[in-house]
């Protein structure tokens, strides 16, 4: 292979290049070059000093902007948070009552509406709902919803199972009428769907809720999902006792008529490696690009990635063995670093270069006893993943309280459980921090 393999001016392997030349052409046997590169990678890995799991969690609180001193503000901050959490599935009711307010100070739901209506962010259920023998229910509040950039949605939908499989739940008769209307007329407003299908407004709402739960439709604005989370009778009472401007704002936040257009969720069948006349090679290249996008997204989300962090993600993501091959390639290119970053975790670990310095700072920082509580649906619910013990179910109502990166209390089914002994005063403070939430005033009806 031809290139530049030695320091400038050393003359090693430079052949008959004239002295003082700016650059010189060098040649190296391919296997020898790969061997040298392995030595370099091993030397870089040996420089890493692993940190404890508690320091990894302290790092993650800052990396994901969940620590009080690292939270962000404004609509641009919401876009950055969504980019970091892209592809993560959480219950629909948790996004604006637990996950985003925990990272954005004074979170305003209008910020997410603006991003979604501008086409920068899209919400959808990525994996289809499976049939259970009876007619599929439509629990919109617990439906796993993911946020993603609109341009990246085909990548995520390609990872989901085929929605036309026999295991997929079939829509009811009213939902089927809505599907037929949207298939014929394309994206439509709520009033157009009501008029075109001949259904009552409440029937169309129920049909849309069923289709959202099955991952078959979404709307331009996040307000469409928000409206389905609140019963219509409660939605009509949200504006009572307030001034006119405030009434209009609340109506817009929860009104299904203000959700923009509803459309069928765009799906892309996952490619396979079989094919003829070069089709298999093209699909294999497409699969590699999808796996690389997922790997980069996980690195952006956690900073440090290993097999246990993937266990916290959706089951439709590529398996760890596929991600491992991609991560090794990124390390060989010099884009990420490999090594042992977290002690007590088996298997290979990889990190973004900018995350390594922050991880070292988290290890050197003094432990202040700071309490941070997160929802069980939050990606920072890593109880039983990084820390020892059983996992906390990823439900909106469950919560975990960390002190300096160590889980000390859980809230399960409304009951507080303490994982270590505390004196009465510390227990009272821990209980208050465990149930404390950052729900915006306009969204308390969703909590």
Protein backbone atom coordinates (compact mmCIF):
# COMPACT_ATOMS: atom_id res chain seq x y z
CA UNK A 1 0.00 0.00 0.00
CA UNK A 2 1.20 3.50 -0.82
CA UNK A 3 1.06 6.34 1.66
CA UNK A 4 2.96 8.15 4.40
CA UNK A 5 3.75 5.84 7.30
CA UNK A 6 6.71 7.42 9.12
CA UNK A 7 7.28 10.86 10.70
CA UNK A 8 8.34 13.54 8.20
CA UNK A 9 12.08 13.83 7.80
CA UNK A 10 12.91 10.48 9.41
CA UNK A 11 13.96 8.98 6.13
CA UNK A 12 12.77 5.54 7.20
CA UNK A 13 11.34 3.76 4.20
CA UNK A 14 11.53 6.91 2.12
CA UNK A 15 13.65 5.31 -0.60
CA UNK A 16 15.67 7.74 -2.66
CA UNK A 17 13.49 10.76 -1.85
CA UNK A 18 15.53 14.00 -1.91
CA UNK A 19 16.40 15.49 1.46
CA UNK A 20 14.12 18.31 2.54
CA UNK A 21 11.20 17.16 0.41
CA UNK A 22 7.84 18.24 1.86
CA UNK A 23 6.32 14.81 1.33
CA UNK A 24 7.70 11.46 0.23
CA UNK A 25 5.95 8.41 -1.16
CA UNK A 26 6.31 5.32 1.02
CA UNK A 27 5.22 1.74 0.50
CA UNK A 28 4.26 -0.86 3.09
CA UNK A 29 3.21 -4.48 2.82
CA UNK A 30 -0.51 -4.70 3.57
CA UNK A 31 -0.37 -7.31 6.35
CA UNK A 32 2.50 -5.50 8.03
CA UNK A 33 0.52 -2.25 7.93
CA UNK A 34 -2.50 -3.97 9.52
CA UNK A 35 -0.19 -5.32 12.22
CA UNK A 36 1.22 -1.86 12.93
CA UNK A 37 -2.31 -0.51 13.12
CA UNK A 38 -3.29 -3.18 15.65
CA UNK A 39 -0.30 -2.22 17.80
CA UNK A 40 -1.44 1.41 17.67
CA UNK A 41 -5.01 0.52 18.65
CA UNK A 42 -3.80 -1.70 21.50
CA UNK A 43 -1.54 1.10 22.78
CA UNK A 44 -4.45 3.55 22.75
CA UNK A 45 -6.66 1.05 24.57
CA UNK A 46 -4.02 0.53 27.22
CA UNK A 47 -4.10 4.26 28.01
CA UNK A 48 -7.71 4.03 29.23
CA UNK A 49 -8.35 3.82 32.96
CA UNK A 50 -11.76 2.32 33.76
CA UNK A 51 -14.18 4.13 36.05
CA UNK A 52 -16.74 2.73 38.45
CA UNK A 53 -20.35 2.27 37.41
CA UNK A 54 -21.41 5.13 39.68
CA UNK A 55 -19.00 7.50 37.89
CA UNK A 56 -20.37 6.29 34.56
CA UNK A 57 -23.85 7.30 35.70
CA UNK A 58 -22.63 10.68 36.96
CA UNK A 59 -21.12 11.20 33.53
CA UNK A 60 -24.39 10.22 31.84
CA UNK A 61 -26.40 12.74 33.88
CA UNK A 62 -24.28 15.50 32.41
CA UNK A 63 -23.98 13.94 28.96
CA UNK A 64 -27.75 13.68 28.62
CA UNK A 65 -28.37 17.05 30.32
CA UNK A 66 -30.30 15.54 33.23
CA UNK A 67 -28.10 16.98 35.99
CA UNK A 68 -29.54 20.27 37.36
CA UNK A 69 -26.42 22.27 36.44
CA UNK A 70 -26.27 20.92 32.87
CA UNK A 71 -29.90 21.38 31.79
CA UNK A 72 -30.60 23.48 28.71
CA UNK A 73 -33.25 25.98 27.64
CA UNK A 74 -35.09 27.08 24.53
CA UNK A 75 -36.48 25.50 21.35
CA UNK A 76 -33.03 24.80 19.88
CA UNK A 77 -32.19 22.85 23.02
CA UNK A 78 -35.25 20.65 22.45
CA UNK A 79 -33.99 19.85 18.95
CA UNK A 80 -30.59 18.85 20.36
CA UNK A 81 -32.18 16.63 23.01
CA UNK A 82 -34.40 14.94 20.43
CA UNK A 83 -31.36 14.30 18.22
CA UNK A 84 -29.60 12.62 21.15
CA UNK A 85 -32.64 10.48 22.04
CA UNK A 86 -33.54 9.66 18.42
CA UNK A 87 -34.96 6.18 17.99
CA UNK A 88 -35.49 5.60 21.72
CA UNK A 89 -38.93 4.17 22.45
CA UNK A 90 -40.79 5.48 25.49
CA UNK A 91 -44.48 5.48 26.45
CA UNK A 92 -46.33 8.29 24.69
CA UNK A 93 -47.34 9.92 27.97
CA UNK A 94 -43.72 10.01 29.23
CA UNK A 95 -42.11 12.23 26.60
CA UNK A 96 -43.54 15.57 27.74
CA UNK A 97 -44.17 14.76 31.40
CA UNK A 98 -40.92 12.97 32.28
CA UNK A 99 -38.16 12.81 29.66
CA UNK A 100 -38.01 16.26 28.00
CA UNK A 101 -38.83 18.35 31.13
CA UNK A 102 -36.04 16.51 32.99
CA UNK A 103 -33.53 17.94 30.51
CA UNK A 104 -35.01 21.29 29.41
CA UNK A 105 -35.64 24.03 31.96
CA UNK A 106 -39.14 25.54 31.79
CA UNK A 107 -40.06 23.19 28.96
CA UNK A 108 -42.77 24.60 26.67
CA UNK A 109 -44.81 22.08 24.63
CA UNK A 110 -45.04 24.64 21.82
CA UNK A 111 -41.33 24.12 21.14
CA UNK A 112 -41.85 20.48 20.17
CA UNK A 113 -44.93 21.44 18.14
CA UNK A 114 -42.86 23.93 16.16
CA UNK A 115 -40.18 21.34 15.40
CA UNK A 116 -42.68 18.73 14.27
CA UNK A 117 -44.75 21.11 12.13
CA UNK A 118 -41.59 22.42 10.49
CA UNK A 119 -40.73 18.87 9.44
CA UNK A 120 -37.60 18.63 11.58
CA UNK A 121 -38.99 16.05 14.02
CA UNK A 122 -41.46 13.24 13.51
CA UNK A 123 -43.11 11.01 16.09
CA UNK A 124 -44.30 7.48 15.42
CA UNK A 125 -44.47 3.97 16.73
CA UNK A 126 -41.70 2.14 14.90
CA UNK A 127 -42.49 -1.49 15.68
CA UNK A 128 -46.02 -2.61 14.75
CA UNK A 129 -48.46 -3.92 17.36
CA UNK A 130 -48.78 -7.69 17.42
CA UNK A 131 -52.15 -9.41 17.51
CA UNK A 132 -53.15 -11.14 20.75
CA UNK A 133 -56.06 -13.25 19.56
CA UNK A 134 -58.70 -10.63 20.36
CA UNK A 135 -59.20 -7.21 18.87
CA UNK A 136 -56.12 -5.09 19.60
CA UNK A 137 -56.72 -2.44 22.27
CA UNK A 138 -55.53 1.13 21.82
CA UNK A 139 -53.76 2.23 25.02
CA UNK A 140 -52.26 5.38 23.56
CA UNK A 141 -50.69 6.43 26.87
CA UNK A 142 -48.53 3.31 27.02
CA UNK A 143 -47.85 3.07 23.29
CA UNK A 144 -44.07 3.03 22.69
CA UNK A 145 -43.38 6.19 20.69
CA UNK A 146 -40.04 7.27 19.22
CA UNK A 147 -38.93 10.73 18.10
CA UNK A 148 -36.63 11.07 15.11
CA UNK A 149 -35.48 13.44 12.44
CA UNK A 150 -37.79 13.16 9.45
CA UNK A 151 -34.87 12.50 7.12
CA UNK A 152 -33.78 9.55 9.28
CA UNK A 153 -37.23 7.99 9.63
CA UNK A 154 -36.72 5.52 6.72
CA UNK A 155 -33.64 4.19 8.50
CA UNK A 156 -35.55 3.46 11.69
CA UNK A 157 -38.62 2.07 9.93
CA UNK A 158 -36.40 -0.31 7.95
CA UNK A 159 -35.40 -1.93 11.24
CA UNK A 160 -38.97 -2.69 12.30
CA UNK A 161 -40.73 -5.88 11.50
CA UNK A 162 -42.88 -6.08 8.39
CA UNK A 163 -46.24 -4.57 9.32
CA UNK A 164 -48.00 -6.87 6.87
CA UNK A 165 -47.00 -10.05 8.71
CA UNK A 166 -49.60 -12.41 10.07
CA UNK A 167 -48.67 -11.55 13.67
CA UNK A 168 -49.52 -7.88 13.19
CA UNK A 169 -52.78 -6.75 14.76
CA UNK A 170 -55.50 -5.90 12.26
CA UNK A 171 -57.34 -2.55 12.52
CA UNK A 172 -61.03 -2.45 13.38
CA UNK A 173 -63.71 -1.52 10.86
CA UNK A 174 -63.68 2.23 11.66
CA UNK A 175 -59.91 2.36 11.69
CA UNK A 176 -59.92 0.54 8.35
CA UNK A 177 -62.18 3.24 6.90
CA UNK A 178 -59.72 5.89 8.02
CA UNK A 179 -56.86 3.93 6.41
CA UNK A 180 -58.77 3.66 3.14
CA UNK A 181 -59.48 7.40 3.15
CA UNK A 182 -55.84 8.31 3.83
CA UNK A 183 -54.65 5.83 1.21
CA UNK A 184 -56.88 7.47 -1.38
CA UNK A 185 -56.56 11.15 -0.45
CA UNK A 186 -53.15 11.24 1.20
CA UNK A 187 -52.35 13.40 4.24
CA UNK A 188 -55.56 15.05 5.47
CA UNK A 189 -56.77 17.29 8.27
CA UNK A 190 -59.04 15.95 10.98
CA UNK A 191 -62.14 17.67 9.59
CA UNK A 192 -61.47 16.21 6.14
CA UNK A 193 -61.23 12.70 7.60
CA UNK A 194 -64.51 13.17 9.47
CA UNK A 195 -66.27 14.35 6.34
CA UNK A 196 -64.68 11.78 4.02
CA UNK A 197 -65.33 8.73 6.19
CA UNK A 198 -68.81 9.71 7.34
CA UNK A 199 -67.91 8.86 10.94
CA UNK A 200 -68.63 10.90 14.03
CA UNK A 201 -65.82 13.03 15.41
CA UNK A 202 -65.46 10.83 18.50
CA UNK A 203 -65.38 7.75 16.29
CA UNK A 204 -62.58 9.22 14.18
CA UNK A 205 -60.66 10.08 17.36
CA UNK A 206 -61.01 6.50 18.56
CA UNK A 207 -59.94 5.18 15.16
CA UNK A 208 -56.88 7.44 15.09
CA UNK A 209 -55.96 6.34 18.61
CA UNK A 210 -56.17 2.71 17.54
CA UNK A 211 -54.03 3.36 14.46
CA UNK A 212 -51.45 5.30 16.48
CA UNK A 213 -51.21 2.41 18.94
CA UNK A 214 -50.59 0.09 16.00
CA UNK A 215 -47.96 2.38 14.48
CA UNK A 216 -49.91 2.94 11.26
CA UNK A 217 -50.54 6.71 11.33
CA UNK A 218 -49.01 9.89 12.72
CA UNK A 219 -49.62 13.61 12.38
CA UNK A 220 -47.60 16.66 11.39
CA UNK A 221 -47.58 18.05 14.93
CA UNK A 222 -46.93 16.43 18.27
CA UNK A 223 -50.20 18.00 19.36
CA UNK A 224 -52.02 15.19 17.56
CA UNK A 225 -50.54 12.62 19.90
CA UNK A 226 -51.03 14.94 22.88
CA UNK A 227 -54.71 15.34 22.03
CA UNK A 228 -55.22 11.58 21.98
CA UNK A 229 -53.74 11.30 25.46
CA UNK A 230 -56.51 13.45 26.94
CA UNK A 231 -60.16 12.34 26.74
CA UNK A 232 -62.30 14.72 24.72
CA UNK A 233 -64.50 15.59 27.71
CA UNK A 234 -61.48 16.64 29.79
CA UNK A 235 -60.04 18.48 26.81
CA UNK A 236 -63.13 20.67 26.59
CA UNK A 237 -62.80 21.64 30.25
CA UNK A 238 -59.15 22.72 30.08
CA UNK A 239 -59.98 26.34 29.27
CA UNK A 240 -62.38 26.97 32.13
CA UNK A 241 -61.65 29.90 34.41
CA UNK A 242 -58.84 31.50 32.36
CA UNK A 243 -58.48 34.54 30.22
CA UNK A 244 -59.20 34.39 26.47
CA UNK A 245 -55.57 34.24 25.28
CA UNK A 246 -54.78 31.51 27.70
CA UNK A 247 -57.87 29.57 26.66
CA UNK A 248 -56.81 29.74 23.03
CA UNK A 249 -53.32 28.52 23.88
CA UNK A 250 -54.56 25.57 25.91
CA UNK A 251 -57.06 24.66 23.22
CA UNK A 252 -54.27 24.65 20.64
CA UNK A 253 -52.11 22.47 22.86
CA UNK A 254 -54.75 19.78 23.30
CA UNK A 255 -57.05 20.26 20.30
CA UNK A 256 -56.97 17.48 17.75
CA UNK A 257 -58.14 19.97 15.10
CA UNK A 258 -54.85 21.87 15.56
CA UNK A 259 -52.67 18.79 15.09
CA UNK A 260 -52.05 19.41 11.39
CA UNK A 261 -52.48 16.66 8.84
CA UNK A 262 -52.79 12.96 9.57
CA UNK A 263 -51.08 10.50 7.26
CA UNK A 264 -50.15 6.84 7.02
CA UNK A 265 -46.79 6.15 8.62
CA UNK A 266 -44.18 5.60 5.96
CA UNK A 267 -42.70 2.12 6.15
CA UNK A 268 -39.67 0.65 4.47
CA UNK A 269 -39.14 -3.07 4.33
CA UNK A 270 -35.81 -4.10 5.82
CA UNK A 271 -33.45 -5.27 3.10
CA UNK A 272 -31.93 -8.74 3.03
CA UNK A 273 -28.56 -9.96 1.88
CA UNK A 274 -30.02 -12.35 -0.71
CA UNK A 275 -30.45 -11.28 -4.26
CA UNK A 276 -29.40 -11.79 -7.85
CA UNK A 277 -27.40 -9.76 -10.36
CA UNK A 278 -25.71 -7.69 -7.67
CA UNK A 279 -28.88 -6.93 -5.72
CA UNK A 280 -27.51 -8.75 -2.68
CA UNK A 281 -24.40 -6.57 -2.68
CA UNK A 282 -26.47 -3.38 -2.84
CA UNK A 283 -28.77 -4.49 -0.04
CA UNK A 284 -25.79 -5.54 2.06
CA UNK A 285 -24.33 -2.07 1.65
CA UNK A 286 -27.67 -0.59 2.69
CA UNK A 287 -27.74 -2.81 5.79
CA UNK A 288 -24.23 -1.68 6.72
CA UNK A 289 -25.29 1.98 6.45
CA UNK A 290 -28.30 1.33 8.71
CA UNK A 291 -26.18 -0.43 11.33
CA UNK A 292 -23.64 2.41 11.25
CA UNK A 293 -26.39 4.98 11.75
CA UNK A 294 -27.66 3.06 14.79
CA UNK A 295 -24.14 2.72 16.19
CA UNK A 296 -23.49 6.45 15.84
CA UNK A 297 -26.86 7.24 17.44
CA UNK A 298 -26.09 5.03 20.45
CA UNK A 299 -22.69 6.70 20.82
CA UNK A 300 -24.37 10.10 20.72
CA UNK A 301 -26.91 8.96 23.32
CA UNK A 302 -24.59 7.28 25.85
CA UNK A 303 -21.10 8.52 24.97
CA UNK A 304 -19.81 5.05 25.93
CA UNK A 305 -21.40 1.97 24.34
CA UNK A 306 -21.18 -1.69 25.32
CA UNK A 307 -23.51 -4.65 25.14
CA UNK A 308 -25.44 -3.78 28.32
CA UNK A 309 -26.46 -0.36 27.02
CA UNK A 310 -28.00 -2.00 23.95
CA UNK A 311 -30.09 -4.18 26.28
CA UNK A 312 -31.85 -0.97 27.40
CA UNK A 313 -32.91 -0.18 23.82
CA UNK A 314 -35.77 -1.52 21.69
CA UNK A 315 -35.63 -5.18 20.69
CA UNK A 316 -35.83 -4.33 16.98
CA UNK A 317 -32.35 -2.76 16.94
CA UNK A 318 -29.55 -4.71 15.22
CA UNK A 319 -27.98 -7.38 17.46
CA UNK A 320 -24.82 -6.53 19.36
CA UNK A 321 -22.68 -8.72 17.09
CA UNK A 322 -23.61 -6.52 14.10
CA UNK A 323 -23.02 -3.31 16.05
CA UNK A 324 -19.70 -4.67 17.30
CA UNK A 325 -18.36 -5.13 13.76
CA UNK A 326 -19.37 -1.59 12.88
CA UNK A 327 -17.85 -0.14 16.07
CA UNK A 328 -14.58 -1.91 15.34
CA UNK A 329 -14.53 -0.35 11.88
CA UNK A 330 -15.13 3.11 13.34
CA UNK A 331 -12.29 2.51 15.79
CA UNK A 332 -9.98 1.41 12.97
CA UNK A 333 -10.76 4.66 11.15
CA UNK A 334 -9.82 6.62 14.25
CA UNK A 335 -13.30 8.10 14.69
CA UNK A 336 -13.98 6.50 18.10
CA UNK A 337 -11.90 4.90 20.84
CA UNK A 338 -12.04 1.37 22.14
CA UNK A 339 -10.95 0.16 25.55
CA UNK A 340 -12.12 -0.65 29.05
CA UNK A 341 -13.97 2.48 30.14
CA UNK A 342 -16.31 1.06 32.81
CA UNK A 343 -15.12 -1.44 35.37
CA UNK A 344 -17.20 -4.51 36.09
CA UNK A 345 -18.58 -4.77 32.54
CA UNK A 346 -17.46 -7.62 30.34
CA UNK A 347 -17.00 -7.40 26.60
CA UNK A 348 -15.66 -4.67 24.34
CA UNK A 349 -16.46 -1.02 25.02
CA UNK A 350 -16.30 2.01 22.72
CA UNK A 351 -16.53 5.75 23.32
CA UNK A 352 -16.60 9.04 21.49
CA UNK A 353 -13.31 10.96 21.90
CA UNK A 354 -15.09 13.93 23.50
CA UNK A 355 -16.73 11.61 26.05
CA UNK A 356 -13.43 10.29 27.41
CA UNK A 357 -12.38 13.60 28.94
CA UNK A 358 -15.80 14.10 30.56
CA UNK A 359 -15.66 10.56 31.92
CA UNK A 360 -12.30 11.30 33.57
CA UNK A 361 -13.67 14.51 35.05
CA UNK A 362 -16.63 12.61 36.53
CA UNK A 363 -14.19 10.25 38.23
CA UNK A 364 -12.11 13.10 39.70
CA UNK A 365 -15.09 15.18 40.82
CA UNK A 366 -15.93 15.07 44.50
CA UNK A 367 -19.12 13.31 45.52
CA UNK A 368 -21.55 15.92 46.76
CA UNK A 369 -24.49 13.69 47.65
CA UNK A 370 -26.67 15.23 44.91
CA UNK A 371 -30.04 13.50 44.39
CA UNK A 372 -31.36 12.99 40.85
CA UNK A 373 -34.67 11.25 40.17
CA UNK A 374 -35.70 9.95 36.75
CA UNK A 375 -38.68 8.07 35.40
CA UNK A 376 -38.59 4.36 34.73
CA UNK A 377 -39.30 5.20 31.07
CA UNK A 378 -36.22 7.43 30.87
CA UNK A 379 -33.09 6.10 29.09
CA UNK A 380 -31.22 6.89 32.33
CA UNK A 381 -33.15 4.11 34.07
CA UNK A 382 -30.09 1.84 34.12
CA UNK A 383 -30.91 -0.02 37.33
CA UNK A 384 -29.97 -3.64 36.74
CA UNK A 385 -28.20 -2.67 33.50
CA UNK A 386 -25.07 -0.90 34.75
CA UNK A 387 -25.77 -1.16 38.45
CA UNK A 388 -26.38 -4.54 40.18
CA UNK A 389 -29.79 -5.80 41.14
CA UNK A 390 -33.08 -6.43 39.33
CA UNK A 391 -34.27 -4.06 36.64
CA UNK A 392 -36.88 -1.39 37.20
CA UNK A 393 -39.76 -1.84 34.69
CA UNK A 394 -39.71 0.93 32.08
CA UNK A 395 -43.11 2.38 33.03
CA UNK A 396 -43.98 6.07 33.26
CA UNK A 397 -45.15 5.90 36.88
CA UNK A 398 -42.05 4.09 38.15
CA UNK A 399 -39.10 6.20 39.30
CA UNK A 400 -35.53 5.73 40.48
CA UNK A 401 -33.52 8.06 42.71
CA UNK A 402 -29.74 8.27 42.35
CA UNK A 403 -27.30 9.70 44.87
CA UNK A 404 -23.87 10.31 43.32
CA UNK A 405 -24.68 7.76 40.65
CA UNK A 406 -25.87 5.02 43.03
CA UNK A 407 -29.59 4.07 43.07
CA UNK A 408 -30.86 4.44 46.61
CA UNK A 409 -34.66 4.35 46.20
CA UNK A 410 -37.30 3.13 43.76
CA UNK A 411 -40.93 4.07 43.27
CA UNK A 412 -42.84 1.03 42.01
CA UNK A 413 -46.64 1.01 41.73
CA UNK A 414 -46.80 4.09 43.97
CA UNK A 415 -44.77 2.46 46.74
CA UNK A 416 -41.32 3.76 47.70
CA UNK A 417 -38.61 1.16 48.25
CA UNK A 418 -35.25 2.11 49.73
CA UNK A 419 -32.22 0.16 48.51
CA UNK A 420 -29.99 1.16 51.41
CA UNK A 421 -30.63 2.15 55.03
CA UNK A 422 -31.26 5.86 55.64
CA UNK A 423 -31.94 7.83 58.78
CA UNK A 424 -35.46 9.35 59.09
CA UNK A 425 -34.42 12.81 57.92
CA UNK A 426 -32.49 11.48 54.91
CA UNK A 427 -35.38 9.13 54.11
CA UNK A 428 -37.83 12.04 54.10
CA UNK A 429 -35.56 14.05 51.74
CA UNK A 430 -35.10 11.03 49.50
CA UNK A 431 -38.83 10.37 49.32
CA UNK A 432 -39.52 14.01 48.38
CA UNK A 433 -36.83 13.93 45.67
CA UNK A 434 -38.12 10.60 44.39
CA UNK A 435 -41.64 11.86 43.67
CA UNK A 436 -40.60 15.36 42.51
CA UNK A 437 -41.25 15.96 38.81
CA UNK A 438 -40.70 18.79 36.33
CA UNK A 439 -44.11 18.59 34.62
CA UNK A 440 -45.10 21.89 32.90
CA UNK A 441 -48.29 23.46 34.25
CA UNK A 442 -50.06 23.07 30.92
CA UNK A 443 -49.34 19.32 30.84
CA UNK A 444 -50.30 18.31 34.36
CA UNK A 445 -53.43 16.71 32.96
CA UNK A 446 -51.17 14.16 31.25
CA UNK A 447 -49.16 13.24 34.36
